[in-house]
Amino acid sequence: MTTQTDNLVAFALGAHGGRTECPLDILGTEVLVKLSSTDTNGAAVVFHQDVPAMSGPPLHRHSREDEWFYILDGEITFEIDGQRTDLHTGGSAFAPRGTAHTFKNFRDSPGKMLVMVTPAAFQQFFEELSSLNSGLPAPDLAGTERLMLEYGIELLGPPLS
């Protein structure tokens, strides 16, 4: 049996390790790149994301990426195409490209999840978003929305409430 690896390189990471120089700051949320675009020849990227209490992204839709979410710790509420689901540790959700989706941690304690995105160009969006808002007292919302549009991400509404 022959297996082609396309020159992929094996590696291992500790709990606080990531494939970028430092954790990404996605609108105040720490994100570690656990499997990068480079690691997979652009096929997929995997993020480890902290989900602080009472936080989550606005309702949005990707035109280019599929997203899979796996809850490592806590309870996170997802809304995908208008349907809400509360997911606990071990639960998962899939939001294929073209679906309106968001999530929020309504708990008083932080949650943690893995997020796999395919294809992996989304990593570049997260890196640019982190750079755009790094060190600012509040996110640059106009710049963030422009960046979203560049990456085919449509802002549809506010975060869950």
N, C-alpha and C. Protein backbone atom coordinates (compact mmCIF):
# COMPACT_ATOMS: atom_id res chain seq x y z
N MET A 1 0.84 -1.17 0.00
CA MET A 1 0.00 0.00 0.00
C MET A 1 0.89 1.24 0.00
N THR A 2 0.60 2.16 -0.88
CA THR A 2 1.35 3.40 -0.99
C THR A 2 0.47 4.55 -0.53
N THR A 3 1.04 5.43 0.27
CA THR A 3 0.33 6.60 0.75
C THR A 3 1.11 7.83 0.35
N GLN A 4 0.42 8.82 -0.23
CA GLN A 4 1.07 10.06 -0.61
C GLN A 4 0.84 11.10 0.48
N THR A 5 1.91 11.73 0.95
CA THR A 5 1.78 12.73 2.00
C THR A 5 1.97 14.15 1.49
N ASP A 6 2.32 14.32 0.22
CA ASP A 6 2.53 15.65 -0.34
C ASP A 6 3.49 16.48 0.50
N ASN A 7 4.50 15.83 1.05
CA ASN A 7 5.52 16.49 1.86
C ASN A 7 4.98 17.12 3.13
N LEU A 8 3.95 16.53 3.69
CA LEU A 8 3.44 17.01 4.97
C LEU A 8 4.44 16.64 6.06
N VAL A 9 4.52 17.48 7.10
CA VAL A 9 5.49 17.29 8.16
C VAL A 9 4.75 16.98 9.47
N ALA A 10 5.17 15.92 10.13
CA ALA A 10 4.58 15.55 11.42
C ALA A 10 5.03 16.52 12.50
N PHE A 11 4.21 16.71 13.52
CA PHE A 11 4.57 17.56 14.65
C PHE A 11 3.67 17.21 15.83
N ALA A 12 4.02 17.71 16.99
CA ALA A 12 3.19 17.58 18.19
C ALA A 12 3.21 18.92 18.92
N LEU A 13 2.09 19.25 19.55
CA LEU A 13 1.96 20.51 20.28
C LEU A 13 1.47 20.25 21.70
N GLY A 14 1.96 21.04 22.63
CA GLY A 14 1.44 20.99 23.99
C GLY A 14 0.12 21.74 24.07
N ALA A 15 -0.48 21.71 25.23
CA ALA A 15 -1.80 22.32 25.43
C ALA A 15 -1.84 23.80 25.07
N HIS A 16 -0.76 24.52 25.31
CA HIS A 16 -0.75 25.96 25.05
C HIS A 16 0.03 26.32 23.79
N GLY A 17 0.39 25.31 22.99
CA GLY A 17 1.15 25.54 21.77
C GLY A 17 0.25 25.79 20.59
N GLY A 18 0.78 26.53 19.64
CA GLY A 18 0.06 26.81 18.41
C GLY A 18 1.03 26.89 17.24
N ARG A 19 0.49 26.94 16.05
CA ARG A 19 1.31 26.95 14.84
C ARG A 19 1.60 28.36 14.35
N THR A 20 1.19 29.38 15.08
CA THR A 20 1.55 30.76 14.78
C THR A 20 2.48 31.25 15.88
N GLU A 21 3.17 32.34 15.61
CA GLU A 21 4.16 32.87 16.56
C GLU A 21 3.56 33.13 17.94
N CYS A 22 2.33 33.60 17.98
CA CYS A 22 1.64 33.83 19.24
C CYS A 22 0.15 33.55 19.02
N PRO A 23 -0.61 33.40 20.10
CA PRO A 23 -2.05 33.19 19.93
C PRO A 23 -2.68 34.36 19.16
N LEU A 24 -3.73 34.07 18.43
CA LEU A 24 -4.45 35.12 17.71
C LEU A 24 -5.47 35.74 18.66
N ASP A 25 -5.68 37.03 18.52
CA ASP A 25 -6.68 37.76 19.29
C ASP A 25 -7.83 38.07 18.36
N ILE A 26 -8.90 37.28 18.45
CA ILE A 26 -10.04 37.46 17.58
C ILE A 26 -11.12 38.19 18.36
N LEU A 27 -11.09 39.51 18.24
CA LEU A 27 -12.05 40.40 18.90
C LEU A 27 -12.12 40.12 20.40
N GLY A 28 -10.94 39.97 21.01
CA GLY A 28 -10.85 39.76 22.45
C GLY A 28 -10.87 38.32 22.89
N THR A 29 -10.94 37.39 21.95
CA THR A 29 -10.97 35.97 22.26
C THR A 29 -9.66 35.33 21.81
N GLU A 30 -9.00 34.59 22.71
CA GLU A 30 -7.74 33.93 22.35
C GLU A 30 -8.00 32.69 21.52
N VAL A 31 -7.29 32.61 20.39
CA VAL A 31 -7.41 31.48 19.48
C VAL A 31 -6.02 30.94 19.18
N LEU A 32 -5.85 29.63 19.33
CA LEU A 32 -4.61 28.96 18.96
C LEU A 32 -4.83 28.21 17.65
N VAL A 33 -3.89 28.34 16.73
CA VAL A 33 -3.93 27.56 15.50
C VAL A 33 -3.25 26.23 15.82
N LYS A 34 -4.02 25.16 15.87
CA LYS A 34 -3.49 23.85 16.21
C LYS A 34 -3.05 23.07 14.98
N LEU A 35 -3.69 23.30 13.84
CA LEU A 35 -3.33 22.70 12.56
C LEU A 35 -3.47 23.80 11.53
N SER A 36 -2.37 24.16 10.88
CA SER A 36 -2.38 25.33 10.02
C SER A 36 -2.60 24.98 8.56
N SER A 37 -2.84 26.01 7.80
CA SER A 37 -2.98 25.89 6.35
C SER A 37 -1.73 25.25 5.75
N THR A 38 -0.57 25.66 6.22
CA THR A 38 0.69 25.10 5.73
C THR A 38 0.80 23.62 6.06
N ASP A 39 0.32 23.23 7.24
CA ASP A 39 0.39 21.82 7.66
C ASP A 39 -0.42 20.90 6.74
N THR A 40 -1.49 21.44 6.15
CA THR A 40 -2.43 20.61 5.38
C THR A 40 -2.44 20.94 3.89
N ASN A 41 -1.44 21.69 3.44
CA ASN A 41 -1.41 22.14 2.04
C ASN A 41 -2.70 22.85 1.65
N GLY A 42 -3.24 23.63 2.59
CA GLY A 42 -4.42 24.44 2.32
C GLY A 42 -5.75 23.73 2.44
N ALA A 43 -5.74 22.47 2.84
CA ALA A 43 -7.00 21.70 2.89
C ALA A 43 -7.88 22.09 4.07
N ALA A 44 -7.28 22.31 5.24
CA ALA A 44 -8.07 22.60 6.44
C ALA A 44 -7.20 23.31 7.46
N VAL A 45 -7.86 23.94 8.42
CA VAL A 45 -7.20 24.56 9.55
C VAL A 45 -8.03 24.21 10.79
N VAL A 46 -7.35 24.01 11.93
CA VAL A 46 -8.05 23.71 13.18
C VAL A 46 -7.61 24.73 14.22
N PHE A 47 -8.62 25.34 14.85
CA PHE A 47 -8.38 26.34 15.89
C PHE A 47 -8.85 25.79 17.23
N HIS A 48 -8.12 26.14 18.29
CA HIS A 48 -8.58 25.93 19.67
C HIS A 48 -9.01 27.30 20.13
N GLN A 49 -10.28 27.44 20.48
CA GLN A 49 -10.83 28.75 20.79
C GLN A 49 -11.42 28.79 22.19
N ASP A 50 -10.98 29.77 22.96
CA ASP A 50 -11.63 30.06 24.23
C ASP A 50 -12.91 30.84 23.90
N VAL A 51 -13.97 30.56 24.64
CA VAL A 51 -15.23 31.28 24.45
C VAL A 51 -15.60 31.89 25.80
N PRO A 52 -15.18 33.15 26.02
CA PRO A 52 -15.46 33.79 27.31
C PRO A 52 -16.96 33.84 27.61
N ALA A 53 -17.28 33.97 28.89
CA ALA A 53 -18.68 34.11 29.30
C ALA A 53 -19.34 35.26 28.55
N MET A 54 -20.57 35.02 28.11
CA MET A 54 -21.40 36.02 27.44
C MET A 54 -20.76 36.57 26.16
N SER A 55 -20.03 35.73 25.45
CA SER A 55 -19.41 36.20 24.20
C SER A 55 -19.78 35.28 23.04
N GLY A 56 -19.61 35.82 21.83
CA GLY A 56 -19.84 35.08 20.60
C GLY A 56 -19.86 36.06 19.43
N PRO A 57 -19.67 35.56 18.23
CA PRO A 57 -19.61 36.43 17.05
C PRO A 57 -21.01 36.87 16.60
N PRO A 58 -21.07 37.89 15.77
CA PRO A 58 -22.36 38.27 15.19
C PRO A 58 -22.83 37.19 14.21
N LEU A 59 -24.10 37.22 13.88
CA LEU A 59 -24.65 36.31 12.88
C LEU A 59 -23.98 36.61 11.55
N HIS A 60 -23.48 35.57 10.89
CA HIS A 60 -22.76 35.77 9.64
C HIS A 60 -22.89 34.54 8.74
N ARG A 61 -22.41 34.70 7.50
CA ARG A 61 -22.45 33.60 6.53
C ARG A 61 -21.15 33.61 5.72
N HIS A 62 -20.55 32.43 5.58
CA HIS A 62 -19.34 32.27 4.77
C HIS A 62 -19.75 31.82 3.37
N SER A 63 -19.15 32.42 2.36
CA SER A 63 -19.41 31.98 0.99
C SER A 63 -18.38 30.96 0.52
N ARG A 64 -17.27 30.81 1.27
CA ARG A 64 -16.16 29.97 0.81
C ARG A 64 -15.80 28.81 1.73
N GLU A 65 -16.21 28.85 3.00
CA GLU A 65 -15.73 27.87 3.96
C GLU A 65 -16.87 27.09 4.61
N ASP A 66 -16.55 25.85 4.99
CA ASP A 66 -17.38 25.03 5.85
C ASP A 66 -16.72 25.05 7.23
N GLU A 67 -17.54 25.09 8.30
CA GLU A 67 -17.01 25.11 9.67
C GLU A 67 -17.63 23.99 10.49
N TRP A 68 -16.77 23.32 11.26
CA TRP A 68 -17.21 22.29 12.19
C TRP A 68 -16.72 22.69 13.57
N PHE A 69 -17.60 22.63 14.57
CA PHE A 69 -17.31 23.04 15.93
C PHE A 69 -17.44 21.84 16.86
N TYR A 70 -16.48 21.68 17.78
CA TYR A 70 -16.52 20.59 18.76
C TYR A 70 -16.31 21.19 20.14
N ILE A 71 -17.25 21.00 21.04
CA ILE A 71 -17.19 21.60 22.37
C ILE A 71 -16.27 20.77 23.26
N LEU A 72 -15.19 21.38 23.72
CA LEU A 72 -14.24 20.73 24.62
C LEU A 72 -14.66 20.88 26.07
N ASP A 73 -15.24 22.04 26.39
CA ASP A 73 -15.61 22.30 27.78
C ASP A 73 -16.69 23.38 27.80
N GLY A 74 -17.71 23.18 28.61
CA GLY A 74 -18.74 24.18 28.78
C GLY A 74 -20.02 23.87 28.02
N GLU A 75 -20.81 24.91 27.86
CA GLU A 75 -22.07 24.83 27.11
C GLU A 75 -22.13 26.05 26.20
N ILE A 76 -22.34 25.83 24.93
CA ILE A 76 -22.37 26.91 23.96
C ILE A 76 -23.63 26.76 23.12
N THR A 77 -24.33 27.86 22.94
CA THR A 77 -25.55 27.88 22.14
C THR A 77 -25.19 28.25 20.70
N PHE A 78 -25.62 27.43 19.77
CA PHE A 78 -25.41 27.68 18.35
C PHE A 78 -26.73 28.01 17.68
N GLU A 79 -26.67 28.86 16.69
CA GLU A 79 -27.80 29.08 15.81
C GLU A 79 -27.30 28.90 14.38
N ILE A 80 -27.88 27.94 13.68
CA ILE A 80 -27.50 27.66 12.29
C ILE A 80 -28.78 27.66 11.46
N ASP A 81 -28.83 28.58 10.50
CA ASP A 81 -30.02 28.76 9.66
C ASP A 81 -31.30 28.85 10.49
N GLY A 82 -31.24 29.64 11.56
CA GLY A 82 -32.42 29.92 12.37
C GLY A 82 -32.76 28.90 13.43
N GLN A 83 -32.03 27.80 13.50
CA GLN A 83 -32.32 26.77 14.49
C GLN A 83 -31.29 26.83 15.62
N ARG A 84 -31.78 27.03 16.86
CA ARG A 84 -30.89 27.10 18.03
C ARG A 84 -30.74 25.74 18.68
N THR A 85 -29.50 25.48 19.12
CA THR A 85 -29.17 24.24 19.80
C THR A 85 -28.17 24.54 20.90
N ASP A 86 -28.40 24.02 22.10
CA ASP A 86 -27.43 24.13 23.19
C ASP A 86 -26.54 22.89 23.15
N LEU A 87 -25.26 23.10 23.02
CA LEU A 87 -24.31 21.99 22.97
C LEU A 87 -23.43 22.00 24.22
N HIS A 88 -23.26 20.82 24.80
CA HIS A 88 -22.43 20.62 25.98
C HIS A 88 -21.12 19.94 25.56
N THR A 89 -20.21 19.80 26.51
CA THR A 89 -18.94 19.12 26.28
C THR A 89 -19.16 17.84 25.49
N GLY A 90 -18.42 17.70 24.41
CA GLY A 90 -18.54 16.53 23.54
C GLY A 90 -19.50 16.71 22.38
N GLY A 91 -20.31 17.78 22.40
CA GLY A 91 -21.24 18.04 21.31
C GLY A 91 -20.53 18.72 20.14
N SER A 92 -21.15 18.66 18.97
CA SER A 92 -20.56 19.30 17.80
C SER A 92 -21.64 19.87 16.90
N ALA A 93 -21.24 20.79 16.04
CA ALA A 93 -22.15 21.42 15.09
C ALA A 93 -21.39 21.63 13.78
N PHE A 94 -22.12 21.59 12.68
CA PHE A 94 -21.53 21.80 11.36
C PHE A 94 -22.31 22.91 10.66
N ALA A 95 -21.58 23.89 10.14
CA ALA A 95 -22.17 25.00 9.40
C ALA A 95 -21.51 25.05 8.02
N PRO A 96 -22.13 24.39 7.02
CA PRO A 96 -21.54 24.43 5.68
C PRO A 96 -21.62 25.83 5.08
N ARG A 97 -20.74 26.09 4.13
CA ARG A 97 -20.74 27.41 3.49
C ARG A 97 -22.16 27.74 3.01
N GLY A 98 -22.51 29.01 3.13
CA GLY A 98 -23.84 29.45 2.72
C GLY A 98 -24.88 29.46 3.82
N THR A 99 -24.55 28.89 4.99
CA THR A 99 -25.53 28.89 6.09
C THR A 99 -25.27 30.06 7.02
N ALA A 100 -26.36 30.68 7.47
CA ALA A 100 -26.25 31.75 8.46
C ALA A 100 -26.01 31.10 9.81
N HIS A 101 -24.99 31.55 10.53
CA HIS A 101 -24.67 30.92 11.81
C HIS A 101 -23.98 31.87 12.78
N THR A 102 -24.08 31.50 14.05
CA THR A 102 -23.43 32.20 15.14
C THR A 102 -23.44 31.29 16.35
N PHE A 103 -22.76 31.70 17.40
CA PHE A 103 -22.79 30.95 18.66
C PHE A 103 -22.57 31.94 19.80
N LYS A 104 -22.94 31.50 21.00
CA LYS A 104 -22.70 32.34 22.18
C LYS A 104 -22.61 31.46 23.42
N ASN A 105 -21.72 31.86 24.31
CA ASN A 105 -21.59 31.24 25.61
C ASN A 105 -22.41 32.07 26.60
N PHE A 106 -23.59 31.59 26.96
CA PHE A 106 -24.47 32.31 27.88
C PHE A 106 -24.13 32.03 29.35
N ARG A 107 -23.14 31.19 29.59
CA ARG A 107 -22.76 30.81 30.96
C ARG A 107 -21.89 31.88 31.61
N ASP A 108 -21.71 31.75 32.92
CA ASP A 108 -20.84 32.67 33.67
C ASP A 108 -19.37 32.26 33.59
N SER A 109 -19.10 31.06 33.12
CA SER A 109 -17.72 30.58 33.03
C SER A 109 -17.35 30.37 31.56
N PRO A 110 -16.05 30.45 31.26
CA PRO A 110 -15.63 30.30 29.87
C PRO A 110 -15.83 28.88 29.34
N GLY A 111 -15.98 28.78 28.05
CA GLY A 111 -16.03 27.49 27.37
C GLY A 111 -14.82 27.36 26.46
N LYS A 112 -14.64 26.18 25.91
CA LYS A 112 -13.53 25.92 24.98
C LYS A 112 -14.04 25.03 23.87
N MET A 113 -13.55 25.29 22.65
CA MET A 113 -13.95 24.43 21.55
C MET A 113 -12.85 24.36 20.49
N LEU A 114 -12.93 23.30 19.70
CA LEU A 114 -12.12 23.17 18.51
C LEU A 114 -12.99 23.57 17.34
N VAL A 115 -12.39 24.27 16.37
CA VAL A 115 -13.11 24.67 15.17
C VAL A 115 -12.26 24.25 13.98
N MET A 116 -12.83 23.42 13.11
CA MET A 116 -12.14 23.04 11.88
C MET A 116 -12.80 23.78 10.72
N VAL A 117 -11.98 24.40 9.90
CA VAL A 117 -12.47 25.16 8.76
C VAL A 117 -11.80 24.62 7.50
N THR A 118 -12.60 24.44 6.46
CA THR A 118 -12.08 23.99 5.19
C THR A 118 -12.73 24.78 4.07
N PRO A 119 -11.97 25.26 3.08
CA PRO A 119 -10.51 25.19 3.00
C PRO A 119 -9.85 26.14 4.00
N ALA A 120 -8.54 26.08 4.03
CA ALA A 120 -7.77 26.71 5.10
C ALA A 120 -7.44 28.18 4.89
N ALA A 121 -7.89 28.81 3.82
CA ALA A 121 -7.60 30.23 3.61
C ALA A 121 -8.18 31.08 4.74
N PHE A 122 -9.13 30.53 5.47
CA PHE A 122 -9.74 31.23 6.59
C PHE A 122 -8.70 31.59 7.65
N GLN A 123 -7.62 30.84 7.75
CA GLN A 123 -6.56 31.16 8.71
C GLN A 123 -6.01 32.55 8.44
N GLN A 124 -5.84 32.89 7.17
CA GLN A 124 -5.31 34.20 6.83
C GLN A 124 -6.28 35.30 7.28
N PHE A 125 -7.58 35.05 7.14
CA PHE A 125 -8.57 36.02 7.63
C PHE A 125 -8.38 36.25 9.13
N PHE A 126 -8.28 35.15 9.91
CA PHE A 126 -8.10 35.28 11.35
C PHE A 126 -6.80 36.01 11.68
N GLU A 127 -5.71 35.73 10.95
CA GLU A 127 -4.44 36.41 11.21
C GLU A 127 -4.55 37.91 10.92
N GLU A 128 -5.21 38.27 9.83
CA GLU A 128 -5.38 39.68 9.49
C GLU A 128 -6.31 40.37 10.49
N LEU A 129 -7.36 39.69 10.90
CA LEU A 129 -8.28 40.25 11.88
C LEU A 129 -7.57 40.50 13.21
N SER A 130 -6.74 39.56 13.63
CA SER A 130 -5.97 39.70 14.86
C SER A 130 -5.04 40.90 14.77
N SER A 131 -4.36 41.03 13.65
CA SER A 131 -3.44 42.14 13.44
C SER A 131 -4.17 43.48 13.41
N LEU A 132 -5.31 43.53 12.75
CA LEU A 132 -6.09 44.76 12.64
C LEU A 132 -6.51 45.29 14.00
N ASN A 133 -6.92 44.42 14.89
CA ASN A 133 -7.49 44.84 16.17
C ASN A 133 -6.53 44.74 17.35
N SER A 134 -5.31 44.27 17.11
CA SER A 134 -4.34 44.08 18.19
C SER A 134 -4.02 45.40 18.88
N GLY A 135 -4.15 45.42 20.20
CA GLY A 135 -3.77 46.59 20.99
C GLY A 135 -4.79 47.70 21.02
N LEU A 136 -5.90 47.55 20.31
CA LEU A 136 -6.92 48.60 20.33
C LEU A 136 -7.81 48.44 21.57
N PRO A 137 -8.27 49.54 22.14
CA PRO A 137 -9.15 49.44 23.31
C PRO A 137 -10.51 48.82 22.95
N ALA A 138 -10.94 48.99 21.70
CA ALA A 138 -12.18 48.40 21.20
C ALA A 138 -11.95 47.99 19.76
N PRO A 139 -12.60 46.95 19.28
CA PRO A 139 -12.39 46.51 17.90
C PRO A 139 -12.71 47.60 16.88
N ASP A 140 -11.97 47.60 15.80
CA ASP A 140 -12.22 48.48 14.66
C ASP A 140 -13.33 47.81 13.85
N LEU A 141 -14.58 48.17 14.14
CA LEU A 141 -15.72 47.48 13.53
C LEU A 141 -15.82 47.73 12.03
N ALA A 142 -15.54 48.96 11.58
CA ALA A 142 -15.59 49.25 10.15
C ALA A 142 -14.50 48.47 9.41
N GLY A 143 -13.29 48.45 9.98
CA GLY A 143 -12.19 47.68 9.37
C GLY A 143 -12.48 46.19 9.39
N THR A 144 -13.09 45.71 10.47
CA THR A 144 -13.43 44.30 10.57
C THR A 144 -14.45 43.92 9.52
N GLU A 145 -15.45 44.75 9.32
CA GLU A 145 -16.47 44.45 8.30
C GLU A 145 -15.88 44.48 6.89
N ARG A 146 -14.98 45.42 6.61
CA ARG A 146 -14.31 45.46 5.30
C ARG A 146 -13.52 44.16 5.08
N LEU A 147 -12.81 43.73 6.11
CA LEU A 147 -12.02 42.51 6.01
C LEU A 147 -12.92 41.30 5.79
N MET A 148 -14.05 41.26 6.48
CA MET A 148 -15.01 40.16 6.29
C MET A 148 -15.45 40.10 4.83
N LEU A 149 -15.78 41.24 4.26
CA LEU A 149 -16.23 41.28 2.86
C LEU A 149 -15.15 40.78 1.90
N GLU A 150 -13.90 41.16 2.19
CA GLU A 150 -12.77 40.69 1.36
C GLU A 150 -12.69 39.17 1.33
N TYR A 151 -13.05 38.54 2.45
CA TYR A 151 -12.96 37.09 2.57
C TYR A 151 -14.30 36.39 2.33
N GLY A 152 -15.26 37.11 1.76
CA GLY A 152 -16.53 36.49 1.41
C GLY A 152 -17.39 36.14 2.60
N ILE A 153 -17.27 36.90 3.67
CA ILE A 153 -18.06 36.67 4.88
C ILE A 153 -19.08 37.82 4.99
N GLU A 154 -20.34 37.45 5.02
CA GLU A 154 -21.42 38.43 5.05
C GLU A 154 -21.93 38.60 6.48
N LEU A 155 -21.90 39.83 6.97
CA LEU A 155 -22.44 40.14 8.30
C LEU A 155 -23.95 40.23 8.17
N LEU A 156 -24.68 39.42 8.96
CA LEU A 156 -26.13 39.35 8.83
C LEU A 156 -26.89 39.94 10.00
N GLY A 157 -26.27 40.03 11.17
CA GLY A 157 -26.99 40.54 12.31
C GLY A 157 -26.13 40.52 13.56
N PRO A 158 -26.73 40.90 14.68
CA PRO A 158 -25.98 40.97 15.94
C PRO A 158 -25.71 39.58 16.52
N PRO A 159 -24.89 39.52 17.56
CA PRO A 159 -24.71 38.27 18.28
C PRO A 159 -26.03 37.80 18.90
N LEU A 160 -26.07 36.56 19.33
CA LEU A 160 -27.26 36.03 20.00
C LEU A 160 -27.52 36.79 21.29
N SER A 161 -28.78 36.90 21.64
CA SER A 161 -29.13 37.53 22.93
C SER A 161 -30.18 36.70 23.62
